[in-house]
Amino acid sequence: MQEQLLNTGRNALVNALITNTPINITKLHISAIPNITLDPAATDVVGGIVYSSSSGNIFADVINSNELRILVKLDQTIGSFLIGNVVLFLDDGTPFMSGSITTAVQKLVQNLPSEVGNIVTLNMTLTYTNVTTAVNVTILNPLYATLPFITDTNALPIAGFAAYDVYNVQNDVRSGRPVIVFRRASDNTWWSSPIVDPYDSADFGLVVLDGGVLQDNMLTAPTRIVGGALYSPPLITRNIDFGQYTGPAPTTNRDFGTYT
């Protein structure tokens, strides 16, 4: 995404640093028109507003004292519309920052059972001297690198209608182990890998617990392996030529041993 600090936003940053009064970024507008020329004098999105919000969508990730990553997260309850360009506003309505996507992105709302919806995150980077002092990041939801948390596998949603592709499941009810469960996009089935040992253990490794539908193909006694994958060699069949037999007709079965 291309982004532009607006003139009114720059003035607000300057005033915040002078008065030691951090600003609050709380509102946004979205338009469906993509690939616009960003104008620092803009006061709103280009084109009609297809979505607006005053809270709950804006997250912050502090990179350093002069750089702040602002993310707009649109979950599966929001939609449906195209995302082309966006403007962020301060809590008093001051236009602060704009952004534009080269090609419009489709935002779909969840409408079960026919539509599972999608989650879209817009990433905007704000670079300005001492920006983390000027912006009140404490009111923005902090960004943590965590997975959706579920207590046990009984709480997993149906794979085809789940909001997320990966889940941190604290207990697989069949094995009693914590597992990471992920959705295979090709057929919308849950696949999982349990964590057998603590990360700092010398025996740390992953095993394949399941294949396909979560309730099927469970390995009741999973084998610890080193490389993070369980490999079962295929059964190999070979035609073996033992030469031409010219003796009498055999009357007993002959054991030729094991072919390796």
C-alpha atoms as a PDB file:
ATOM      1  CA  MET A   1       0.000   0.000   0.000  1.00  0.00           C
ATOM      2  CA  GLN A   2       1.182   3.533  -0.805  1.00  0.00           C
ATOM      3  CA  GLU A   3       0.637   5.998   2.024  1.00  0.00           C
ATOM      4  CA  GLN A   4       0.691   9.774   2.485  1.00  0.00           C
ATOM      5  CA  LEU A   5       0.808  11.845   5.667  1.00  0.00           C
ATOM      6  CA  LEU A   6      -1.766  14.571   5.034  1.00  0.00           C
ATOM      7  CA  ASN A   7      -1.073  18.267   5.635  1.00  0.00           C
ATOM      8  CA  THR A   8      -3.608  18.362   8.447  1.00  0.00           C
ATOM      9  CA  GLY A   9      -2.020  15.255   9.930  1.00  0.00           C
ATOM     10  CA  ARG A  10       1.456  16.780   9.795  1.00  0.00           C
ATOM     11  CA  ASN A  11       0.187  19.914  11.537  1.00  0.00           C
ATOM     12  CA  ALA A  12      -1.376  17.725  14.212  1.00  0.00           C
ATOM     13  CA  LEU A  13       1.937  15.916  14.769  1.00  0.00           C
ATOM     14  CA  VAL A  14       3.842  19.196  15.078  1.00  0.00           C
ATOM     15  CA  ASN A  15       1.315  20.525  17.571  1.00  0.00           C
ATOM     16  CA  ALA A  16       1.421  17.275  19.555  1.00  0.00           C
ATOM     17  CA  LEU A  17       5.208  17.471  19.897  1.00  0.00           C
ATOM     18  CA  ILE A  18       5.152  21.161  20.846  1.00  0.00           C
ATOM     19  CA  THR A  19       2.383  20.847  23.420  1.00  0.00           C
ATOM     20  CA  ASN A  20       3.333  17.346  24.572  1.00  0.00           C
ATOM     21  CA  THR A  21      -0.255  16.246  23.903  1.00  0.00           C
ATOM     22  CA  PRO A  22      -0.345  12.967  21.945  1.00  0.00           C
ATOM     23  CA  ILE A  23      -2.954  12.601  19.222  1.00  0.00           C
ATOM     24  CA  ASN A  24      -5.422   9.732  18.908  1.00  0.00           C
ATOM     25  CA  ILE A  25      -6.001   7.888  15.604  1.00  0.00           C
ATOM     26  CA  THR A  26      -9.433   6.300  15.913  1.00  0.00           C
ATOM     27  CA  LYS A  27     -11.472   6.694  12.709  1.00  0.00           C
ATOM     28  CA  LEU A  28     -11.277   5.584   9.086  1.00  0.00           C
ATOM     29  CA  HIS A  29     -13.050   5.817   5.743  1.00  0.00           C
ATOM     30  CA  ILE A  30     -12.672   3.337   2.876  1.00  0.00           C
ATOM     31  CA  SER A  31     -13.456   3.850  -0.818  1.00  0.00           C
ATOM     32  CA  ALA A  32     -13.594   1.258  -3.600  1.00  0.00           C
ATOM     33  CA  ILE A  33     -11.431   3.234  -6.068  1.00  0.00           C
ATOM     34  CA  PRO A  34      -7.828   1.890  -6.222  1.00  0.00           C
ATOM     35  CA  ASN A  35      -4.554   3.258  -7.544  1.00  0.00           C
ATOM     36  CA  ILE A  36      -5.250   6.923  -6.882  1.00  0.00           C
ATOM     37  CA  THR A  37      -2.687   9.724  -6.817  1.00  0.00           C
ATOM     38  CA  LEU A  38      -2.242  10.564  -3.149  1.00  0.00           C
ATOM     39  CA  ASP A  39      -2.699  14.243  -2.404  1.00  0.00           C
ATOM     40  CA  PRO A  40      -1.311  15.672   0.864  1.00  0.00           C
ATOM     41  CA  ALA A  41      -4.083  18.285   0.771  1.00  0.00           C
ATOM     42  CA  ALA A  42      -6.845  15.641   0.709  1.00  0.00           C
ATOM     43  CA  THR A  43      -9.545  15.711   3.341  1.00  0.00           C
ATOM     44  CA  ASP A  44     -11.252  12.387   2.617  1.00  0.00           C
ATOM     45  CA  VAL A  45     -11.158   9.315   0.385  1.00  0.00           C
ATOM     46  CA  VAL A  46     -11.443   9.576  -3.402  1.00  0.00           C
ATOM     47  CA  GLY A  47     -14.837   8.233  -4.430  1.00  0.00           C
ATOM     48  CA  GLY A  48     -17.815   7.313  -2.305  1.00  0.00           C
ATOM     49  CA  ILE A  49     -17.351   5.905   1.189  1.00  0.00           C
ATOM     50  CA  VAL A  50     -18.107   2.167   1.227  1.00  0.00           C
ATOM     51  CA  TYR A  51     -17.125   1.651   4.875  1.00  0.00           C
ATOM     52  CA  SER A  52     -16.445   3.850   7.902  1.00  0.00           C
ATOM     53  CA  SER A  53     -15.529   3.054  11.484  1.00  0.00           C
ATOM     54  CA  SER A  54     -14.851   4.991  14.661  1.00  0.00           C
ATOM     55  CA  SER A  55     -13.248   2.285  16.820  1.00  0.00           C
ATOM     56  CA  GLY A  56     -11.936  -1.260  17.009  1.00  0.00           C
ATOM     57  CA  ASN A  57     -10.266  -1.571  13.599  1.00  0.00           C
ATOM     58  CA  ILE A  58      -6.951   0.231  14.128  1.00  0.00           C
ATOM     59  CA  PHE A  59      -3.856  -1.489  15.534  1.00  0.00           C
ATOM     60  CA  ALA A  60      -0.334  -0.231  16.208  1.00  0.00           C
ATOM     61  CA  ASP A  61       3.115  -1.771  15.971  1.00  0.00           C
ATOM     62  CA  VAL A  62       5.998   0.413  17.179  1.00  0.00           C
ATOM     63  CA  ILE A  63       9.046  -0.172  14.971  1.00  0.00           C
ATOM     64  CA  ASN A  64      11.264   2.479  16.553  1.00  0.00           C
ATOM     65  CA  SER A  65      10.887   5.981  18.010  1.00  0.00           C
ATOM     66  CA  ASN A  66      10.585   7.479  14.512  1.00  0.00           C
ATOM     67  CA  GLU A  67       8.504   4.807  12.807  1.00  0.00           C
ATOM     68  CA  LEU A  68       5.054   3.453  13.538  1.00  0.00           C
ATOM     69  CA  ARG A  69       3.248   0.733  11.628  1.00  0.00           C
ATOM     70  CA  ILE A  70      -0.508   1.310  11.596  1.00  0.00           C
ATOM     71  CA  LEU A  71      -2.732  -1.589  10.632  1.00  0.00           C
ATOM     72  CA  VAL A  72      -6.413  -1.544   9.805  1.00  0.00           C
ATOM     73  CA  LYS A  73      -7.932  -4.963  10.433  1.00  0.00           C
ATOM     74  CA  LEU A  74     -11.267  -5.837   8.843  1.00  0.00           C
ATOM     75  CA  ASP A  75     -12.589  -9.142  10.154  1.00  0.00           C
ATOM     76  CA  GLN A  76     -15.162 -11.537   8.700  1.00  0.00           C
ATOM     77  CA  THR A  77     -18.096  -9.608  10.202  1.00  0.00           C
ATOM     78  CA  ILE A  78     -17.371  -6.614   7.936  1.00  0.00           C
ATOM     79  CA  GLY A  79     -18.401  -6.302   4.271  1.00  0.00           C
ATOM     80  CA  SER A  80     -19.038  -6.811   1.534  1.00  0.00           C
ATOM     81  CA  PHE A  81     -17.241  -4.142  -0.532  1.00  0.00           C
ATOM     82  CA  LEU A  82     -14.106  -3.377  -2.545  1.00  0.00           C
ATOM     83  CA  ILE A  83     -11.109  -1.702  -0.880  1.00  0.00           C
ATOM     84  CA  GLY A  84      -9.276   0.847  -3.019  1.00  0.00           C
ATOM     85  CA  ASN A  85      -8.155   3.806  -0.900  1.00  0.00           C
ATOM     86  CA  VAL A  86      -8.419   4.718   2.773  1.00  0.00           C
ATOM     87  CA  VAL A  87      -8.111   7.774   5.027  1.00  0.00           C
ATOM     88  CA  LEU A  88      -7.398   7.679   8.761  1.00  0.00           C
ATOM     89  CA  PHE A  89      -8.776  10.384  11.031  1.00  0.00           C
ATOM     90  CA  LEU A  90      -8.031  11.631  14.524  1.00  0.00           C
ATOM     91  CA  ASP A  91     -10.707  11.356  17.191  1.00  0.00           C
ATOM     92  CA  ASP A  92     -11.696  15.008  16.572  1.00  0.00           C
ATOM     93  CA  GLY A  93     -12.272  14.299  12.849  1.00  0.00           C
ATOM     94  CA  THR A  94      -8.986  15.725  11.547  1.00  0.00           C
ATOM     95  CA  PRO A  95      -7.850  13.922   8.348  1.00  0.00           C
ATOM     96  CA  PHE A  96      -4.507  12.376   9.272  1.00  0.00           C
ATOM     97  CA  MET A  97      -3.173   9.898   6.709  1.00  0.00           C
ATOM     98  CA  SER A  98      -4.222   8.379   3.396  1.00  0.00           C
ATOM     99  CA  GLY A  99      -3.351   5.200   1.561  1.00  0.00           C
ATOM    100  CA  SER A 100      -4.049   3.557  -1.793  1.00  0.00           C
ATOM    101  CA  ILE A 101      -3.923  -0.008  -3.114  1.00  0.00           C
ATOM    102  CA  THR A 102      -2.830  -0.631  -6.713  1.00  0.00           C
ATOM    103  CA  THR A 103      -5.609  -3.171  -7.371  1.00  0.00           C
ATOM    104  CA  ALA A 104      -8.874  -3.213  -5.434  1.00  0.00           C
ATOM    105  CA  VAL A 105      -9.239  -5.955  -2.808  1.00  0.00           C
ATOM    106  CA  GLN A 106     -12.562  -7.709  -2.231  1.00  0.00           C
ATOM    107  CA  LYS A 107     -13.782  -7.663   1.371  1.00  0.00           C
ATOM    108  CA  LEU A 108     -16.394 -10.351   1.986  1.00  0.00           C
ATOM    109  CA  VAL A 109     -18.711 -10.596   4.971  1.00  0.00           C
ATOM    110  CA  GLN A 110     -19.472 -13.930   6.580  1.00  0.00           C
ATOM    111  CA  ASN A 111     -22.873 -15.248   5.525  1.00  0.00           C
ATOM    112  CA  LEU A 112     -23.055 -18.879   6.566  1.00  0.00           C
ATOM    113  CA  PRO A 113     -23.370 -21.430   5.173  1.00  0.00           C
ATOM    114  CA  SER A 114     -22.727 -20.086   1.672  1.00  0.00           C
ATOM    115  CA  GLU A 115     -19.974 -17.547   2.453  1.00  0.00           C
ATOM    116  CA  VAL A 116     -17.300 -17.847   5.156  1.00  0.00           C
ATOM    117  CA  GLY A 117     -16.047 -14.263   4.745  1.00  0.00           C
ATOM    118  CA  ASN A 118     -12.414 -13.119   4.797  1.00  0.00           C
ATOM    119  CA  ILE A 119     -10.061 -11.059   6.957  1.00  0.00           C
ATOM    120  CA  VAL A 120      -8.149  -8.179   5.370  1.00  0.00           C
ATOM    121  CA  THR A 121      -5.372  -6.192   7.062  1.00  0.00           C
ATOM    122  CA  LEU A 122      -4.160  -2.892   5.588  1.00  0.00           C
ATOM    123  CA  ASN A 123      -0.575  -2.021   6.484  1.00  0.00           C
ATOM    124  CA  MET A 124       0.442   1.674   6.606  1.00  0.00           C
ATOM    125  CA  THR A 125       3.847   2.909   7.780  1.00  0.00           C
ATOM    126  CA  LEU A 126       4.151   6.349   9.360  1.00  0.00           C
ATOM    127  CA  THR A 127       7.681   7.817   9.538  1.00  0.00           C
ATOM    128  CA  TYR A 128       8.196  11.057  11.449  1.00  0.00           C
ATOM    129  CA  THR A 129      10.730  12.246  14.012  1.00  0.00           C
ATOM    130  CA  ASN A 130       9.624  11.107  17.496  1.00  0.00           C
ATOM    131  CA  VAL A 131       6.336   9.885  16.076  1.00  0.00           C
ATOM    132  CA  THR A 132       5.781   7.440  18.935  1.00  0.00           C
ATOM    133  CA  THR A 133       5.853  10.405  21.311  1.00  0.00           C
ATOM    134  CA  ALA A 134       3.353  12.355  19.224  1.00  0.00           C
ATOM    135  CA  VAL A 135       0.857   9.507  18.702  1.00  0.00           C
ATOM    136  CA  ASN A 136      -0.985   8.071  21.676  1.00  0.00           C
ATOM    137  CA  VAL A 137      -0.319   4.410  20.894  1.00  0.00           C
ATOM    138  CA  THR A 138      -1.703   3.355  24.259  1.00  0.00           C
ATOM    139  CA  ILE A 139      -5.256   3.693  22.924  1.00  0.00           C
ATOM    140  CA  LEU A 140      -4.470   1.658  19.838  1.00  0.00           C
ATOM    141  CA  ASN A 141      -4.748  -2.082  20.175  1.00  0.00           C
ATOM    142  CA  PRO A 142      -1.178  -3.441  20.278  1.00  0.00           C
ATOM    143  CA  LEU A 143      -0.172  -5.968  17.658  1.00  0.00           C
ATOM    144  CA  TYR A 144       1.046  -9.265  19.026  1.00  0.00           C
ATOM    145  CA  ALA A 145       2.359 -12.172  16.976  1.00  0.00           C
ATOM    146  CA  THR A 146      -0.033 -14.740  18.400  1.00  0.00           C
ATOM    147  CA  LEU A 147      -2.376 -17.336  16.972  1.00  0.00           C
ATOM    148  CA  PRO A 148      -6.080 -17.633  17.822  1.00  0.00           C
ATOM    149  CA  PHE A 149      -6.281 -19.577  21.096  1.00  0.00           C
ATOM    150  CA  ILE A 150      -8.575 -22.572  21.678  1.00  0.00           C
ATOM    151  CA  THR A 151      -8.607 -24.690  24.824  1.00  0.00           C
ATOM    152  CA  ASP A 152      -9.181 -28.086  23.180  1.00  0.00           C
ATOM    153  CA  THR A 153     -10.002 -29.656  19.825  1.00  0.00           C
ATOM    154  CA  ASN A 154     -13.694 -30.004  20.691  1.00  0.00           C
ATOM    155  CA  ALA A 155     -13.943 -26.215  20.321  1.00  0.00           C
ATOM    156  CA  LEU A 156     -12.561 -26.128  16.776  1.00  0.00           C
ATOM    157  CA  PRO A 157     -15.033 -24.708  14.242  1.00  0.00           C
ATOM    158  CA  ILE A 158     -15.841 -26.555  11.040  1.00  0.00           C
ATOM    159  CA  ALA A 159     -12.817 -26.098   8.792  1.00  0.00           C
ATOM    160  CA  GLY A 160     -14.772 -24.693   5.845  1.00  0.00           C
ATOM    161  CA  PHE A 161     -16.376 -21.985   8.006  1.00  0.00           C
ATOM    162  CA  ALA A 162     -13.523 -21.046  10.350  1.00  0.00           C
ATOM    163  CA  ALA A 163     -12.432 -17.406  10.610  1.00  0.00           C
ATOM    164  CA  TYR A 164      -8.733 -18.313  10.760  1.00  0.00           C
ATOM    165  CA  ASP A 165      -6.467 -20.731   8.909  1.00  0.00           C
ATOM    166  CA  VAL A 166      -4.317 -21.653  11.926  1.00  0.00           C
ATOM    167  CA  TYR A 167      -5.198 -22.253  15.599  1.00  0.00           C
ATOM    168  CA  ASN A 168      -3.172 -22.773  18.757  1.00  0.00           C
ATOM    169  CA  VAL A 169      -5.006 -25.632  20.498  1.00  0.00           C
ATOM    170  CA  GLN A 170      -3.837 -26.224  24.057  1.00  0.00           C
ATOM    171  CA  ASN A 171      -5.119 -29.774  24.288  1.00  0.00           C
ATOM    172  CA  ASP A 172      -5.918 -32.416  21.699  1.00  0.00           C
ATOM    173  CA  VAL A 173      -8.559 -34.450  23.516  1.00  0.00           C
ATOM    174  CA  ARG A 174      -7.319 -37.689  21.950  1.00  0.00           C
ATOM    175  CA  SER A 175      -3.627 -37.416  22.789  1.00  0.00           C
ATOM    176  CA  GLY A 176      -3.512 -34.879  25.627  1.00  0.00           C
ATOM    177  CA  ARG A 177      -0.919 -32.818  23.756  1.00  0.00           C
ATOM    178  CA  PRO A 178      -0.874 -29.167  22.629  1.00  0.00           C
ATOM    179  CA  VAL A 179      -1.207 -28.922  18.861  1.00  0.00           C
ATOM    180  CA  ILE A 180      -0.997 -26.421  16.052  1.00  0.00           C
ATOM    181  CA  VAL A 181      -3.967 -26.959  13.731  1.00  0.00           C
ATOM    182  CA  PHE A 182      -3.998 -25.552  10.209  1.00  0.00           C
ATOM    183  CA  ARG A 183      -6.496 -25.606   7.372  1.00  0.00           C
ATOM    184  CA  ARG A 184      -5.524 -27.111   4.036  1.00  0.00           C
ATOM    185  CA  ALA A 185      -7.005 -24.791   1.421  1.00  0.00           C
ATOM    186  CA  SER A 186      -7.286 -27.429  -1.288  1.00  0.00           C
ATOM    187  CA  ASP A 187     -10.084 -29.310   0.474  1.00  0.00           C
ATOM    188  CA  ASN A 188     -10.928 -27.326   3.650  1.00  0.00           C
ATOM    189  CA  THR A 189      -9.784 -29.987   6.114  1.00  0.00           C
ATOM    190  CA  TRP A 190      -7.971 -29.593   9.436  1.00  0.00           C
ATOM    191  CA  TRP A 191      -4.404 -30.891   9.733  1.00  0.00           C
ATOM    192  CA  SER A 192      -2.408 -30.786  12.934  1.00  0.00           C
ATOM    193  CA  SER A 193       1.051 -31.265  14.411  1.00  0.00           C
ATOM    194  CA  PRO A 194       1.502 -31.766  18.155  1.00  0.00           C
ATOM    195  CA  ILE A 195       4.442 -30.393  20.106  1.00  0.00           C
ATOM    196  CA  VAL A 196       5.953 -33.456  21.714  1.00  0.00           C
ATOM    197  CA  ASP A 197       8.666 -31.819  23.814  1.00  0.00           C
ATOM    198  CA  PRO A 198       9.476 -28.338  25.159  1.00  0.00           C
ATOM    199  CA  TYR A 199      11.370 -26.154  22.727  1.00  0.00           C
ATOM    200  CA  ASP A 200      14.537 -26.187  24.851  1.00  0.00           C
ATOM    201  CA  SER A 201      14.504 -29.975  25.144  1.00  0.00           C
ATOM    202  CA  ALA A 202      17.155 -32.007  23.345  1.00  0.00           C
ATOM    203  CA  ASP A 203      14.344 -34.188  22.016  1.00  0.00           C
ATOM    204  CA  PHE A 204      12.335 -31.294  20.594  1.00  0.00           C
ATOM    205  CA  GLY A 205      10.600 -32.229  17.345  1.00  0.00           C
ATOM    206  CA  LEU A 206       7.236 -32.462  15.661  1.00  0.00           C
ATOM    207  CA  VAL A 207       5.207 -35.478  14.688  1.00  0.00           C
ATOM    208  CA  VAL A 208       2.348 -35.772  12.275  1.00  0.00           C
ATOM    209  CA  LEU A 209      -0.673 -36.505  14.424  1.00  0.00           C
ATOM    210  CA  ASP A 210      -3.394 -36.366  11.833  1.00  0.00           C
ATOM    211  CA  GLY A 211      -4.034 -36.452   8.129  1.00  0.00           C
ATOM    212  CA  GLY A 212      -7.122 -34.976   6.517  1.00  0.00           C
ATOM    213  CA  VAL A 213     -10.275 -34.692   8.616  1.00  0.00           C
ATOM    214  CA  LEU A 214      -9.376 -34.041  12.242  1.00  0.00           C
ATOM    215  CA  GLN A 215     -11.135 -37.166  13.524  1.00  0.00           C
ATOM    216  CA  ASP A 216      -9.478 -39.523  11.017  1.00  0.00           C
ATOM    217  CA  ASN A 217      -6.097 -41.219  10.684  1.00  0.00           C
ATOM    218  CA  MET A 218      -4.885 -40.438  14.169  1.00  0.00           C
ATOM    219  CA  LEU A 219      -1.601 -42.038  15.153  1.00  0.00           C
ATOM    220  CA  THR A 220      -2.358 -43.445  18.606  1.00  0.00           C
ATOM    221  CA  ALA A 221       1.338 -43.777  19.458  1.00  0.00           C
ATOM    222  CA  PRO A 222       3.101 -41.048  17.459  1.00  0.00           C
ATOM    223  CA  THR A 223       6.791 -41.571  16.822  1.00  0.00           C
ATOM    224  CA  ARG A 224       9.256 -38.795  17.680  1.00  0.00           C
ATOM    225  CA  ILE A 225      11.272 -37.803  14.627  1.00  0.00           C
ATOM    226  CA  VAL A 226      14.081 -35.346  13.991  1.00  0.00           C
ATOM    227  CA  GLY A 227      13.242 -33.505  10.806  1.00  0.00           C
ATOM    228  CA  GLY A 228       9.744 -32.296  11.635  1.00  0.00           C
ATOM    229  CA  ALA A 229       7.941 -34.784   9.379  1.00  0.00           C
ATOM    230  CA  LEU A 230       6.946 -38.412   9.612  1.00  0.00           C
ATOM    231  CA  TYR A 231       8.077 -40.390   6.560  1.00  0.00           C
ATOM    232  CA  SER A 232       6.686 -43.771   5.581  1.00  0.00           C
ATOM    233  CA  PRO A 233       8.469 -45.271   2.529  1.00  0.00           C
ATOM    234  CA  PRO A 234       6.169 -46.614  -0.176  1.00  0.00           C
ATOM    235  CA  LEU A 235       5.811 -50.356  -0.713  1.00  0.00           C
ATOM    236  CA  ILE A 236       8.089 -51.254  -3.609  1.00  0.00           C
ATOM    237  CA  THR A 237       7.335 -54.244  -5.815  1.00  0.00           C
ATOM    238  CA  ARG A 238       9.996 -55.657  -8.111  1.00  0.00           C
ATOM    239  CA  ASN A 239       9.922 -58.482 -10.663  1.00  0.00           C
ATOM    240  CA  ILE A 240      13.000 -60.596  -9.942  1.00  0.00           C
ATOM    241  CA  ASP A 241      14.593 -62.862 -12.574  1.00  0.00           C
ATOM    242  CA  PHE A 242      16.217 -65.858 -10.889  1.00  0.00           C
ATOM    243  CA  GLY A 243      17.279 -67.403 -14.221  1.00  0.00           C
ATOM    244  CA  GLN A 244      15.977 -70.493 -15.980  1.00  0.00           C
ATOM    245  CA  TYR A 245      15.207 -73.555 -13.873  1.00  0.00           C
ATOM    246  CA  THR A 246      16.071 -76.837 -15.682  1.00  0.00           C
ATOM    247  CA  GLY A 247      15.769 -79.363 -12.875  1.00  0.00           C
ATOM    248  CA  PRO A 248      12.839 -81.543 -11.905  1.00  0.00           C
ATOM    249  CA  ALA A 249       9.492 -80.006 -11.114  1.00  0.00           C
ATOM    250  CA  PRO A 250       9.619 -78.637  -7.557  1.00  0.00           C
ATOM    251  CA  THR A 251       7.412 -80.297  -4.983  1.00  0.00           C
ATOM    252  CA  THR A 252       7.948 -77.836  -2.135  1.00  0.00           C
ATOM    253  CA  ASN A 253       7.850 -74.059  -1.714  1.00  0.00           C
ATOM    254  CA  ARG A 254      11.288 -72.484  -2.016  1.00  0.00           C
ATOM    255  CA  ASP A 255      12.316 -69.638   0.325  1.00  0.00           C
ATOM    256  CA  PHE A 256      14.572 -67.252  -1.538  1.00  0.00           C
ATOM    257  CA  GLY A 257      15.069 -65.061   1.545  1.00  0.00           C
ATOM    258  CA  THR A 258      14.285 -61.360   1.938  1.00  0.00           C
ATOM    259  CA  TYR A 259      14.818 -58.938  -0.932  1.00  0.00           C
ATOM    260  CA  THR A 260      16.536 -55.739   0.218  1.00  0.00           C
END
